[in-house]
Amino acid sequence: MLEFELTRHHTGLILWGDYWSLERLHGLIHEIVAESPIIEDKEGLVLGLAYDVRKAFEGQRRQAKRKHHTDTCKTYGVEILWPVILVQVGLLRQAMAFVPTSRLDQAIMYELEHIVESATRAAMPVTADDVLERMRRLGSAPYAHLDSVLNTRCRYFIELPAGERLSVLPKLMDTFEPAYAFVASQGGPPRAGMIRPSAFAYTDDDWPDFEW
């Protein structure tokens, strides 16, 4: 069974699960990435979710114990940034529309989507619907485009003050849209609330240190 925990500084969520749930999720991600024609980079951002999940169930990230009555179960967790998990889940769902899947595959994906949706609603009760709708739309954006802009968006997000991250997230999700680049390239005044393209200067530098 998968669970979530919100991070203290609003950077993302902690994805928790028992060994078997995480292992099944890891296998599904690898299967979809390998077979999907829309996921062009087979070692890229979507497979990054499988990497995080594997690191979790191998015990290299977080560990805890869940107790139910007299039974105790060891669980494993990993932190994932909001922009990253939203793009990954959006792309995975879109990719599954173009490859054969089983009922078990769909059940695993539905559980992941349920966890991300539940975490989003817990973190952002007012704007959750907007964020989730943007996540679904992103799945149909070209993979190469999403891959090319994710790093700058994540850097911008983690450099925000902790108290501003969740309120800015819906606007940040808008900047993943291919239409954003077109509007920004026209050189006119930005729409109300739109993040200016200059905020996303490309750099090869590592992300700055941040607190989850």
N, C-alpha and C. Protein backbone atom coordinates (compact mmCIF):
# COMPACT_ATOMS: atom_id res chain seq x y z
N MET A 1 0.83 -1.19 0.00
CA MET A 1 0.00 0.00 0.00
C MET A 1 0.87 1.25 0.00
N LEU A 2 0.51 2.22 -0.83
CA LEU A 2 1.24 3.49 -0.89
C LEU A 2 0.61 4.51 0.04
N GLU A 3 1.43 5.40 0.56
CA GLU A 3 0.97 6.50 1.40
C GLU A 3 1.78 7.73 1.05
N PHE A 4 1.39 8.88 1.60
CA PHE A 4 2.16 10.10 1.37
C PHE A 4 2.34 10.84 2.69
N GLU A 5 3.33 11.69 2.69
CA GLU A 5 3.57 12.63 3.78
C GLU A 5 4.05 13.93 3.15
N LEU A 6 3.50 15.04 3.57
CA LEU A 6 3.92 16.32 3.03
C LEU A 6 5.24 16.75 3.67
N THR A 7 6.12 17.33 2.89
CA THR A 7 7.39 17.79 3.45
C THR A 7 7.19 19.10 4.21
N ARG A 8 8.04 19.32 5.17
CA ARG A 8 7.87 20.45 6.10
C ARG A 8 7.96 21.80 5.42
N HIS A 9 8.85 21.93 4.44
CA HIS A 9 9.10 23.22 3.80
C HIS A 9 8.40 23.34 2.45
N HIS A 10 7.38 22.52 2.22
CA HIS A 10 6.48 22.66 1.06
C HIS A 10 7.17 22.41 -0.28
N THR A 11 8.22 21.64 -0.27
CA THR A 11 8.91 21.36 -1.53
C THR A 11 8.31 20.20 -2.29
N GLY A 12 7.61 19.33 -1.60
CA GLY A 12 7.06 18.17 -2.29
C GLY A 12 6.38 17.22 -1.33
N LEU A 13 6.44 15.95 -1.67
CA LEU A 13 5.85 14.92 -0.83
C LEU A 13 6.86 13.81 -0.59
N ILE A 14 6.59 13.04 0.43
CA ILE A 14 7.34 11.80 0.66
C ILE A 14 6.43 10.66 0.25
N LEU A 15 6.85 9.89 -0.73
CA LEU A 15 6.10 8.72 -1.17
C LEU A 15 6.53 7.53 -0.32
N TRP A 16 5.58 6.98 0.43
CA TRP A 16 5.84 5.85 1.32
C TRP A 16 5.16 4.59 0.78
N GLY A 17 5.74 3.46 1.05
CA GLY A 17 5.10 2.20 0.69
C GLY A 17 5.83 1.02 1.29
N ASP A 18 5.15 -0.12 1.34
CA ASP A 18 5.84 -1.34 1.74
C ASP A 18 6.69 -1.82 0.57
N TYR A 19 7.55 -2.77 0.82
CA TYR A 19 8.50 -3.23 -0.18
C TYR A 19 7.79 -3.68 -1.46
N TRP A 20 6.72 -4.46 -1.32
CA TRP A 20 6.08 -5.08 -2.47
C TRP A 20 5.33 -4.05 -3.31
N SER A 21 4.69 -3.09 -2.67
CA SER A 21 3.98 -2.05 -3.42
C SER A 21 4.95 -1.21 -4.24
N LEU A 22 6.05 -0.84 -3.61
CA LEU A 22 7.05 -0.04 -4.32
C LEU A 22 7.72 -0.83 -5.43
N GLU A 23 7.96 -2.10 -5.19
CA GLU A 23 8.58 -2.93 -6.22
C GLU A 23 7.66 -3.07 -7.44
N ARG A 24 6.37 -3.24 -7.19
CA ARG A 24 5.41 -3.33 -8.31
C ARG A 24 5.36 -2.02 -9.09
N LEU A 25 5.36 -0.90 -8.37
CA LEU A 25 5.36 0.40 -9.04
C LEU A 25 6.61 0.59 -9.87
N HIS A 26 7.74 0.20 -9.32
CA HIS A 26 9.02 0.28 -10.04
C HIS A 26 8.96 -0.51 -11.34
N GLY A 27 8.41 -1.72 -11.27
CA GLY A 27 8.31 -2.56 -12.46
C GLY A 27 7.40 -1.96 -13.52
N LEU A 28 6.28 -1.38 -13.07
CA LEU A 28 5.34 -0.78 -14.03
C LEU A 28 5.99 0.39 -14.75
N ILE A 29 6.67 1.26 -14.01
CA ILE A 29 7.30 2.42 -14.65
C ILE A 29 8.30 1.97 -15.70
N HIS A 30 9.13 0.99 -15.38
CA HIS A 30 10.09 0.49 -16.35
C HIS A 30 9.39 -0.06 -17.59
N GLU A 31 8.31 -0.80 -17.38
CA GLU A 31 7.57 -1.38 -18.50
C GLU A 31 6.99 -0.31 -19.41
N ILE A 32 6.37 0.70 -18.82
CA ILE A 32 5.75 1.75 -19.63
C ILE A 32 6.81 2.56 -20.37
N VAL A 33 7.89 2.92 -19.68
CA VAL A 33 8.95 3.68 -20.33
C VAL A 33 9.53 2.91 -21.51
N ALA A 34 9.75 1.62 -21.32
CA ALA A 34 10.36 0.82 -22.38
C ALA A 34 9.45 0.71 -23.60
N GLU A 35 8.14 0.63 -23.40
CA GLU A 35 7.22 0.36 -24.50
C GLU A 35 6.61 1.62 -25.11
N SER A 36 6.66 2.72 -24.40
CA SER A 36 5.94 3.91 -24.86
C SER A 36 6.64 4.62 -26.01
N PRO A 37 5.91 4.94 -27.07
CA PRO A 37 6.51 5.72 -28.16
C PRO A 37 6.62 7.21 -27.82
N ILE A 38 5.88 7.68 -26.81
CA ILE A 38 5.93 9.12 -26.53
C ILE A 38 7.02 9.48 -25.52
N ILE A 39 7.52 8.50 -24.79
CA ILE A 39 8.65 8.75 -23.87
C ILE A 39 9.92 8.49 -24.65
N GLU A 40 10.48 9.54 -25.18
CA GLU A 40 11.58 9.41 -26.13
C GLU A 40 12.90 9.05 -25.47
N ASP A 41 13.16 9.62 -24.30
CA ASP A 41 14.40 9.34 -23.59
C ASP A 41 14.14 8.23 -22.58
N LYS A 42 14.62 7.05 -22.85
CA LYS A 42 14.33 5.90 -22.01
C LYS A 42 15.11 5.92 -20.69
N GLU A 43 16.02 6.85 -20.56
CA GLU A 43 16.78 6.98 -19.31
C GLU A 43 16.50 8.32 -18.63
N GLY A 44 15.46 9.01 -19.05
CA GLY A 44 15.25 10.38 -18.62
C GLY A 44 14.32 10.56 -17.44
N LEU A 45 13.53 11.63 -17.50
CA LEU A 45 12.82 12.13 -16.32
C LEU A 45 11.76 11.17 -15.80
N VAL A 46 11.09 10.40 -16.66
CA VAL A 46 10.08 9.47 -16.15
C VAL A 46 10.75 8.30 -15.45
N LEU A 47 11.83 7.80 -16.02
CA LEU A 47 12.54 6.70 -15.37
C LEU A 47 13.14 7.16 -14.04
N GLY A 48 13.31 8.48 -13.88
CA GLY A 48 13.79 9.00 -12.60
C GLY A 48 12.88 8.63 -11.45
N LEU A 49 11.57 8.50 -11.73
CA LEU A 49 10.65 8.08 -10.68
C LEU A 49 10.92 6.64 -10.28
N ALA A 50 11.20 5.78 -11.25
CA ALA A 50 11.54 4.39 -10.94
C ALA A 50 12.83 4.34 -10.10
N TYR A 51 13.78 5.20 -10.43
CA TYR A 51 15.03 5.25 -9.67
C TYR A 51 14.76 5.61 -8.22
N ASP A 52 13.95 6.65 -8.00
CA ASP A 52 13.63 7.07 -6.64
C ASP A 52 12.91 5.96 -5.88
N VAL A 53 11.96 5.32 -6.56
CA VAL A 53 11.21 4.24 -5.91
C VAL A 53 12.13 3.08 -5.55
N ARG A 54 13.05 2.73 -6.45
CA ARG A 54 13.98 1.64 -6.15
C ARG A 54 14.89 1.99 -4.98
N LYS A 55 15.40 3.21 -4.96
CA LYS A 55 16.23 3.63 -3.84
C LYS A 55 15.46 3.53 -2.53
N ALA A 56 14.16 3.81 -2.60
CA ALA A 56 13.34 3.73 -1.39
C ALA A 56 13.25 2.29 -0.90
N PHE A 57 12.77 1.36 -1.76
CA PHE A 57 12.56 0.00 -1.25
C PHE A 57 13.86 -0.76 -1.01
N GLU A 58 14.98 -0.24 -1.52
CA GLU A 58 16.28 -0.81 -1.17
C GLU A 58 16.78 -0.29 0.17
N GLY A 59 16.02 0.62 0.79
CA GLY A 59 16.37 1.14 2.11
C GLY A 59 17.41 2.23 2.10
N GLN A 60 17.59 2.91 0.94
CA GLN A 60 18.62 3.93 0.82
C GLN A 60 18.09 5.35 0.98
N ARG A 61 16.81 5.50 1.29
CA ARG A 61 16.23 6.81 1.53
C ARG A 61 15.66 6.85 2.95
N ARG A 62 14.35 6.84 3.10
CA ARG A 62 13.73 6.87 4.43
C ARG A 62 13.15 5.51 4.78
N GLN A 63 13.11 5.23 6.08
CA GLN A 63 12.50 3.99 6.56
C GLN A 63 11.68 4.29 7.80
N ALA A 64 10.61 3.54 7.97
CA ALA A 64 9.75 3.69 9.15
C ALA A 64 9.01 2.38 9.36
N LYS A 65 8.25 2.32 10.43
CA LYS A 65 7.43 1.15 10.71
C LYS A 65 5.99 1.59 10.92
N ARG A 66 5.07 0.86 10.32
CA ARG A 66 3.65 1.10 10.50
C ARG A 66 3.08 -0.03 11.34
N LYS A 67 2.32 0.34 12.37
CA LYS A 67 1.74 -0.68 13.25
C LYS A 67 0.23 -0.67 13.14
N HIS A 68 -0.35 -1.84 12.95
CA HIS A 68 -1.80 -2.01 12.91
C HIS A 68 -2.17 -3.14 13.85
N HIS A 69 -2.81 -2.77 14.96
CA HIS A 69 -3.12 -3.74 16.02
C HIS A 69 -1.80 -4.37 16.49
N THR A 70 -1.64 -5.67 16.28
CA THR A 70 -0.41 -6.33 16.74
C THR A 70 0.59 -6.55 15.61
N ASP A 71 0.23 -6.16 14.41
CA ASP A 71 1.12 -6.37 13.26
C ASP A 71 1.96 -5.12 12.99
N THR A 72 3.21 -5.34 12.66
CA THR A 72 4.11 -4.25 12.32
C THR A 72 4.67 -4.48 10.92
N CYS A 73 4.68 -3.43 10.10
CA CYS A 73 5.18 -3.52 8.73
C CYS A 73 6.23 -2.45 8.51
N LYS A 74 7.34 -2.83 7.92
CA LYS A 74 8.37 -1.86 7.59
C LYS A 74 7.99 -1.15 6.30
N THR A 75 8.13 0.17 6.28
CA THR A 75 7.82 0.96 5.09
C THR A 75 9.03 1.79 4.68
N TYR A 76 9.02 2.17 3.42
CA TYR A 76 10.15 2.88 2.83
C TYR A 76 9.63 4.12 2.11
N GLY A 77 10.40 5.20 2.20
CA GLY A 77 9.93 6.45 1.61
C GLY A 77 11.03 7.19 0.87
N VAL A 78 10.60 8.12 0.01
CA VAL A 78 11.54 8.95 -0.73
C VAL A 78 10.87 10.30 -1.00
N GLU A 79 11.62 11.38 -0.85
CA GLU A 79 11.11 12.72 -1.14
C GLU A 79 11.16 13.00 -2.64
N ILE A 80 10.10 13.65 -3.15
CA ILE A 80 10.03 14.02 -4.56
C ILE A 80 9.48 15.43 -4.65
N LEU A 81 10.11 16.28 -5.43
CA LEU A 81 9.66 17.67 -5.62
C LEU A 81 8.29 17.71 -6.29
N TRP A 82 7.50 18.71 -5.93
CA TRP A 82 6.19 18.87 -6.56
C TRP A 82 6.26 18.94 -8.08
N PRO A 83 7.08 19.83 -8.67
CA PRO A 83 7.07 19.89 -10.14
C PRO A 83 7.48 18.56 -10.79
N VAL A 84 8.38 17.85 -10.14
CA VAL A 84 8.87 16.59 -10.71
C VAL A 84 7.78 15.52 -10.70
N ILE A 85 7.16 15.28 -9.56
CA ILE A 85 6.17 14.22 -9.47
C ILE A 85 4.95 14.52 -10.33
N LEU A 86 4.56 15.80 -10.43
CA LEU A 86 3.40 16.14 -11.24
C LEU A 86 3.66 15.89 -12.73
N VAL A 87 4.84 16.25 -13.20
CA VAL A 87 5.19 15.99 -14.60
C VAL A 87 5.33 14.49 -14.85
N GLN A 88 5.98 13.78 -13.95
CA GLN A 88 6.17 12.34 -14.12
C GLN A 88 4.84 11.60 -14.19
N VAL A 89 3.93 11.91 -13.28
CA VAL A 89 2.64 11.20 -13.25
C VAL A 89 1.80 11.57 -14.48
N GLY A 90 1.83 12.85 -14.87
CA GLY A 90 1.10 13.25 -16.06
C GLY A 90 1.60 12.51 -17.31
N LEU A 91 2.90 12.39 -17.45
CA LEU A 91 3.47 11.69 -18.60
C LEU A 91 3.18 10.18 -18.55
N LEU A 92 3.26 9.59 -17.37
CA LEU A 92 2.99 8.16 -17.24
C LEU A 92 1.57 7.83 -17.66
N ARG A 93 0.61 8.64 -17.18
CA ARG A 93 -0.79 8.37 -17.53
C ARG A 93 -1.01 8.51 -19.03
N GLN A 94 -0.43 9.53 -19.64
CA GLN A 94 -0.57 9.70 -21.08
C GLN A 94 0.08 8.54 -21.82
N ALA A 95 1.24 8.10 -21.37
CA ALA A 95 1.95 7.01 -22.04
C ALA A 95 1.16 5.71 -21.98
N MET A 96 0.44 5.49 -20.89
CA MET A 96 -0.31 4.24 -20.74
C MET A 96 -1.48 4.14 -21.71
N ALA A 97 -1.87 5.26 -22.30
CA ALA A 97 -2.96 5.22 -23.28
C ALA A 97 -2.52 4.62 -24.60
N PHE A 98 -1.20 4.45 -24.79
CA PHE A 98 -0.69 4.00 -26.08
C PHE A 98 0.06 2.67 -26.01
N VAL A 99 -0.03 1.99 -24.87
CA VAL A 99 0.60 0.68 -24.75
C VAL A 99 -0.40 -0.29 -24.11
N PRO A 100 -0.27 -1.58 -24.39
CA PRO A 100 -1.17 -2.55 -23.76
C PRO A 100 -0.91 -2.60 -22.25
N THR A 101 -1.97 -2.62 -21.48
CA THR A 101 -1.85 -2.69 -20.02
C THR A 101 -2.84 -3.71 -19.47
N SER A 102 -2.51 -4.24 -18.32
CA SER A 102 -3.38 -5.19 -17.64
C SER A 102 -4.20 -4.47 -16.57
N ARG A 103 -5.15 -5.18 -15.97
CA ARG A 103 -5.91 -4.60 -14.87
C ARG A 103 -4.98 -4.28 -13.70
N LEU A 104 -3.98 -5.12 -13.48
CA LEU A 104 -3.04 -4.84 -12.40
C LEU A 104 -2.24 -3.58 -12.69
N ASP A 105 -1.80 -3.41 -13.94
CA ASP A 105 -1.08 -2.19 -14.31
C ASP A 105 -1.92 -0.95 -13.99
N GLN A 106 -3.20 -1.01 -14.39
CA GLN A 106 -4.08 0.13 -14.15
C GLN A 106 -4.29 0.36 -12.66
N ALA A 107 -4.40 -0.71 -11.90
CA ALA A 107 -4.60 -0.58 -10.45
C ALA A 107 -3.40 0.09 -9.79
N ILE A 108 -2.20 -0.29 -10.21
CA ILE A 108 -0.98 0.31 -9.66
C ILE A 108 -0.94 1.80 -10.00
N MET A 109 -1.28 2.14 -11.25
CA MET A 109 -1.25 3.54 -11.66
C MET A 109 -2.32 4.35 -10.95
N TYR A 110 -3.51 3.77 -10.80
CA TYR A 110 -4.58 4.47 -10.09
C TYR A 110 -4.17 4.76 -8.65
N GLU A 111 -3.48 3.83 -8.03
CA GLU A 111 -3.06 4.06 -6.65
C GLU A 111 -2.05 5.21 -6.59
N LEU A 112 -1.10 5.24 -7.52
CA LEU A 112 -0.13 6.34 -7.55
C LEU A 112 -0.85 7.66 -7.78
N GLU A 113 -1.77 7.70 -8.72
CA GLU A 113 -2.52 8.93 -8.98
C GLU A 113 -3.33 9.36 -7.76
N HIS A 114 -3.91 8.38 -7.09
CA HIS A 114 -4.68 8.68 -5.88
C HIS A 114 -3.79 9.31 -4.82
N ILE A 115 -2.60 8.80 -4.64
CA ILE A 115 -1.68 9.34 -3.64
C ILE A 115 -1.28 10.77 -4.00
N VAL A 116 -0.95 11.01 -5.26
CA VAL A 116 -0.54 12.35 -5.68
C VAL A 116 -1.71 13.32 -5.56
N GLU A 117 -2.90 12.89 -5.96
CA GLU A 117 -4.07 13.75 -5.83
C GLU A 117 -4.37 14.05 -4.36
N SER A 118 -4.31 13.03 -3.51
CA SER A 118 -4.59 13.23 -2.09
C SER A 118 -3.58 14.18 -1.46
N ALA A 119 -2.30 14.01 -1.81
CA ALA A 119 -1.26 14.89 -1.28
C ALA A 119 -1.47 16.32 -1.75
N THR A 120 -1.84 16.48 -3.02
CA THR A 120 -2.08 17.82 -3.57
C THR A 120 -3.24 18.49 -2.84
N ARG A 121 -4.31 17.76 -2.62
CA ARG A 121 -5.47 18.34 -1.92
C ARG A 121 -5.16 18.66 -0.47
N ALA A 122 -4.32 17.86 0.16
CA ALA A 122 -3.94 18.14 1.55
C ALA A 122 -3.03 19.36 1.64
N ALA A 123 -2.14 19.53 0.66
CA ALA A 123 -1.19 20.64 0.68
C ALA A 123 -1.81 21.94 0.21
N MET A 124 -2.71 21.85 -0.80
CA MET A 124 -3.25 23.04 -1.46
C MET A 124 -4.76 22.91 -1.61
N PRO A 125 -5.52 22.96 -0.53
CA PRO A 125 -6.97 22.72 -0.63
C PRO A 125 -7.68 23.63 -1.62
N VAL A 126 -7.26 24.87 -1.72
CA VAL A 126 -7.96 25.84 -2.57
C VAL A 126 -7.59 25.68 -4.04
N THR A 127 -6.33 25.45 -4.33
CA THR A 127 -5.86 25.43 -5.72
C THR A 127 -5.59 24.02 -6.25
N ALA A 128 -5.94 22.99 -5.48
CA ALA A 128 -5.63 21.62 -5.89
C ALA A 128 -6.22 21.26 -7.25
N ASP A 129 -7.48 21.63 -7.49
CA ASP A 129 -8.10 21.29 -8.77
C ASP A 129 -7.33 21.91 -9.93
N ASP A 130 -6.87 23.14 -9.77
CA ASP A 130 -6.10 23.81 -10.82
C ASP A 130 -4.79 23.07 -11.08
N VAL A 131 -4.10 22.70 -10.02
CA VAL A 131 -2.82 22.01 -10.16
C VAL A 131 -3.01 20.65 -10.82
N LEU A 132 -4.02 19.90 -10.40
CA LEU A 132 -4.26 18.56 -10.95
C LEU A 132 -4.69 18.63 -12.41
N GLU A 133 -5.48 19.63 -12.76
CA GLU A 133 -5.86 19.79 -14.16
C GLU A 133 -4.65 20.10 -15.02
N ARG A 134 -3.75 20.90 -14.52
CA ARG A 134 -2.52 21.20 -15.26
C ARG A 134 -1.67 19.94 -15.39
N MET A 135 -1.61 19.12 -14.35
CA MET A 135 -0.87 17.86 -14.42
C MET A 135 -1.42 16.98 -15.55
N ARG A 136 -2.73 16.88 -15.65
CA ARG A 136 -3.33 16.04 -16.69
C ARG A 136 -3.04 16.60 -18.08
N ARG A 137 -3.11 17.91 -18.23
CA ARG A 137 -2.84 18.51 -19.54
C ARG A 137 -1.39 18.32 -19.96
N LEU A 138 -0.49 18.37 -18.99
CA LEU A 138 0.93 18.26 -19.32
C LEU A 138 1.27 16.93 -19.98
N GLY A 139 0.49 15.91 -19.68
CA GLY A 139 0.77 14.61 -20.26
C GLY A 139 0.75 14.61 -21.77
N SER A 140 -0.03 15.52 -22.37
CA SER A 140 -0.12 15.57 -23.83
C SER A 140 0.89 16.51 -24.46
N ALA A 141 1.70 17.18 -23.65
CA ALA A 141 2.74 18.05 -24.19
C ALA A 141 3.89 17.20 -24.73
N PRO A 142 4.63 17.70 -25.71
CA PRO A 142 5.76 16.91 -26.23
C PRO A 142 6.77 16.58 -25.13
N TYR A 143 7.19 15.33 -25.12
CA TYR A 143 8.14 14.89 -24.09
C TYR A 143 9.41 15.73 -24.12
N ALA A 144 9.95 15.97 -25.30
CA ALA A 144 11.21 16.70 -25.40
C ALA A 144 11.08 18.09 -24.79
N HIS A 145 9.92 18.72 -24.98
CA HIS A 145 9.71 20.05 -24.41
C HIS A 145 9.73 19.99 -22.89
N LEU A 146 8.97 19.06 -22.30
CA LEU A 146 8.92 18.96 -20.84
C LEU A 146 10.30 18.67 -20.28
N ASP A 147 11.02 17.78 -20.94
CA ASP A 147 12.35 17.42 -20.48
C ASP A 147 13.30 18.61 -20.53
N SER A 148 13.12 19.48 -21.52
CA SER A 148 14.04 20.61 -21.70
C SER A 148 13.80 21.72 -20.68
N VAL A 149 12.60 21.81 -20.12
CA VAL A 149 12.31 22.93 -19.21
C VAL A 149 12.23 22.52 -17.74
N LEU A 150 12.19 21.23 -17.46
CA LEU A 150 11.97 20.79 -16.07
C LEU A 150 13.06 21.29 -15.12
N ASN A 151 14.30 21.24 -15.52
CA ASN A 151 15.39 21.62 -14.62
C ASN A 151 15.27 23.08 -14.19
N THR A 152 14.99 23.98 -15.12
CA THR A 152 14.89 25.41 -14.76
C THR A 152 13.68 25.67 -13.87
N ARG A 153 12.60 24.95 -14.10
CA ARG A 153 11.40 25.14 -13.26
C ARG A 153 11.65 24.64 -11.85
N CYS A 154 12.35 23.52 -11.73
CA CYS A 154 12.65 22.99 -10.39
C CYS A 154 13.58 23.93 -9.63
N ARG A 155 14.58 24.45 -10.31
CA ARG A 155 15.49 25.39 -9.66
C ARG A 155 14.73 26.63 -9.18
N TYR A 156 13.87 27.16 -10.01
CA TYR A 156 13.06 28.32 -9.62
C TYR A 156 12.22 27.99 -8.39
N PHE A 157 11.61 26.81 -8.39
CA PHE A 157 10.71 26.41 -7.30
C PHE A 157 11.45 26.29 -5.97
N ILE A 158 12.59 25.63 -5.97
CA ILE A 158 13.28 25.42 -4.70
C ILE A 158 13.94 26.70 -4.19
N GLU A 159 14.17 27.67 -5.08
CA GLU A 159 14.75 28.94 -4.63
C GLU A 159 13.70 29.90 -4.07
N LEU A 160 12.43 29.57 -4.22
CA LEU A 160 11.38 30.39 -3.62
C LEU A 160 11.40 30.26 -2.09
N PRO A 161 11.00 31.30 -1.36
CA PRO A 161 10.81 31.13 0.08
C PRO A 161 9.80 30.02 0.34
N ALA A 162 10.00 29.27 1.39
CA ALA A 162 9.14 28.12 1.67
C ALA A 162 7.68 28.50 1.71
N GLY A 163 7.36 29.65 2.27
CA GLY A 163 5.98 30.07 2.41
C GLY A 163 5.30 30.45 1.12
N GLU A 164 6.07 30.60 0.03
CA GLU A 164 5.49 31.00 -1.26
C GLU A 164 5.35 29.85 -2.24
N ARG A 165 5.97 28.72 -1.95
CA ARG A 165 6.06 27.65 -2.95
C ARG A 165 4.70 27.15 -3.41
N LEU A 166 3.84 26.84 -2.49
CA LEU A 166 2.55 26.24 -2.87
C LEU A 166 1.64 27.23 -3.58
N SER A 167 1.71 28.50 -3.20
CA SER A 167 0.86 29.49 -3.86
C SER A 167 1.34 29.77 -5.28
N VAL A 168 2.63 29.60 -5.53
CA VAL A 168 3.19 29.86 -6.87
C VAL A 168 3.07 28.64 -7.78
N LEU A 169 2.88 27.47 -7.19
CA LEU A 169 2.93 26.23 -7.98
C LEU A 169 1.95 26.21 -9.17
N PRO A 170 0.68 26.64 -9.03
CA PRO A 170 -0.19 26.64 -10.21
C PRO A 170 0.36 27.50 -11.36
N LYS A 171 0.92 28.66 -11.03
CA LYS A 171 1.50 29.53 -12.07
C LYS A 171 2.74 28.88 -12.67
N LEU A 172 3.51 28.20 -11.83
CA LEU A 172 4.69 27.52 -12.34
C LEU A 172 4.30 26.40 -13.29
N MET A 173 3.23 25.68 -12.98
CA MET A 173 2.77 24.61 -13.86
C MET A 173 2.37 25.15 -15.22
N ASP A 174 1.85 26.37 -15.26
CA ASP A 174 1.49 26.98 -16.54
C ASP A 174 2.70 27.14 -17.45
N THR A 175 3.87 27.33 -16.87
CA THR A 175 5.07 27.58 -17.69
C THR A 175 5.58 26.32 -18.37
N PHE A 176 5.04 25.15 -18.02
CA PHE A 176 5.39 23.92 -18.74
C PHE A 176 4.65 23.81 -20.06
N GLU A 177 3.57 24.56 -20.22
CA GLU A 177 2.77 24.47 -21.43
C GLU A 177 3.57 24.98 -22.63
N PRO A 178 3.53 24.26 -23.75
CA PRO A 178 4.21 24.76 -24.95
C PRO A 178 3.75 26.15 -25.35
N ALA A 179 2.48 26.48 -25.10
CA ALA A 179 1.97 27.80 -25.46
C ALA A 179 2.63 28.91 -24.67
N TYR A 180 3.15 28.59 -23.49
CA TYR A 180 3.82 29.61 -22.67
C TYR A 180 5.03 30.16 -23.41
N ALA A 181 5.81 29.28 -24.00
CA ALA A 181 7.01 29.72 -24.73
C ALA A 181 6.62 30.61 -25.91
N PHE A 182 5.50 30.29 -26.58
CA PHE A 182 5.06 31.10 -27.71
C PHE A 182 4.63 32.49 -27.24
N VAL A 183 3.81 32.53 -26.19
CA VAL A 183 3.34 33.82 -25.66
C VAL A 183 4.52 34.67 -25.21
N ALA A 184 5.47 34.01 -24.51
CA ALA A 184 6.62 34.74 -23.99
C ALA A 184 7.49 35.29 -25.13
N SER A 185 7.55 34.54 -26.25
CA SER A 185 8.42 34.95 -27.36
C SER A 185 7.87 36.14 -28.13
N GLN A 186 6.59 36.47 -27.92
CA GLN A 186 6.01 37.58 -28.66
C GLN A 186 6.48 38.94 -28.15
N GLY A 187 7.02 38.95 -26.94
CA GLY A 187 7.60 40.17 -26.42
C GLY A 187 6.62 41.17 -25.86
N GLY A 188 5.34 40.83 -25.83
CA GLY A 188 4.35 41.74 -25.27
C GLY A 188 4.35 41.67 -23.75
N PRO A 189 3.50 42.47 -23.11
CA PRO A 189 3.42 42.43 -21.65
C PRO A 189 2.90 41.08 -21.18
N PRO A 190 3.44 40.54 -20.11
CA PRO A 190 2.99 39.24 -19.62
C PRO A 190 1.56 39.32 -19.09
N ARG A 191 0.85 38.21 -19.18
CA ARG A 191 -0.48 38.16 -18.61
C ARG A 191 -0.41 38.31 -17.10
N ALA A 192 -1.51 38.73 -16.51
CA ALA A 192 -1.55 38.94 -15.06
C ALA A 192 -1.16 37.65 -14.34
N GLY A 193 -0.18 37.77 -13.48
CA GLY A 193 0.25 36.63 -12.69
C GLY A 193 1.22 35.69 -13.37
N MET A 194 1.50 35.91 -14.65
CA MET A 194 2.40 35.01 -15.38
C MET A 194 3.84 35.22 -14.92
N ILE A 195 4.55 34.13 -14.70
CA ILE A 195 5.97 34.22 -14.34
C ILE A 195 6.76 34.59 -15.60
N ARG A 196 7.60 35.59 -15.47
CA ARG A 196 8.37 36.05 -16.64
C ARG A 196 9.39 35.00 -17.07
N PRO A 197 9.59 34.84 -18.38
CA PRO A 197 10.58 33.87 -18.88
C PRO A 197 11.99 34.10 -18.33
N SER A 198 12.32 35.35 -18.01
CA SER A 198 13.65 35.65 -17.49
C SER A 198 13.92 34.97 -16.14
N ALA A 199 12.87 34.50 -15.51
CA ALA A 199 13.04 33.80 -14.22
C ALA A 199 13.66 32.42 -14.41
N PHE A 200 13.71 31.95 -15.66
CA PHE A 200 14.14 30.58 -15.92
C PHE A 200 15.43 30.53 -16.72
N ALA A 201 16.40 31.31 -16.32
CA ALA A 201 17.69 31.31 -17.00
C ALA A 201 18.34 29.94 -16.88
N TYR A 202 18.82 29.42 -18.03
CA TYR A 202 19.43 28.09 -18.03
C TYR A 202 20.84 28.14 -17.43
N THR A 203 21.17 27.12 -16.65
CA THR A 203 22.52 26.98 -16.10
C THR A 203 22.83 25.50 -15.91
N ASP A 204 24.11 25.17 -16.04
CA ASP A 204 24.56 23.80 -15.82
C ASP A 204 24.88 23.54 -14.35
N ASP A 205 24.80 24.57 -13.53
CA ASP A 205 25.14 24.41 -12.12
C ASP A 205 24.16 23.46 -11.43
N ASP A 206 24.65 22.80 -10.40
CA ASP A 206 23.78 21.95 -9.59
C ASP A 206 22.75 22.83 -8.86
N TRP A 207 21.63 22.21 -8.49
CA TRP A 207 20.65 22.94 -7.71
C TRP A 207 21.27 23.37 -6.37
N PRO A 208 20.88 24.51 -5.87
CA PRO A 208 21.37 24.89 -4.55
C PRO A 208 20.80 23.97 -3.48
N ASP A 209 21.49 23.89 -2.35
CA ASP A 209 20.99 23.10 -1.24
C ASP A 209 19.65 23.67 -0.77
N PHE A 210 18.75 22.80 -0.36
CA PHE A 210 17.46 23.26 0.15
C PHE A 210 16.95 22.26 1.18
N GLU A 211 16.02 22.72 1.98
CA GLU A 211 15.41 21.87 2.99
C GLU A 211 14.08 21.34 2.48
N TRP A 212 13.86 20.06 2.69
CA TRP A 212 12.61 19.46 2.23
C TRP A 212 11.43 19.95 3.07
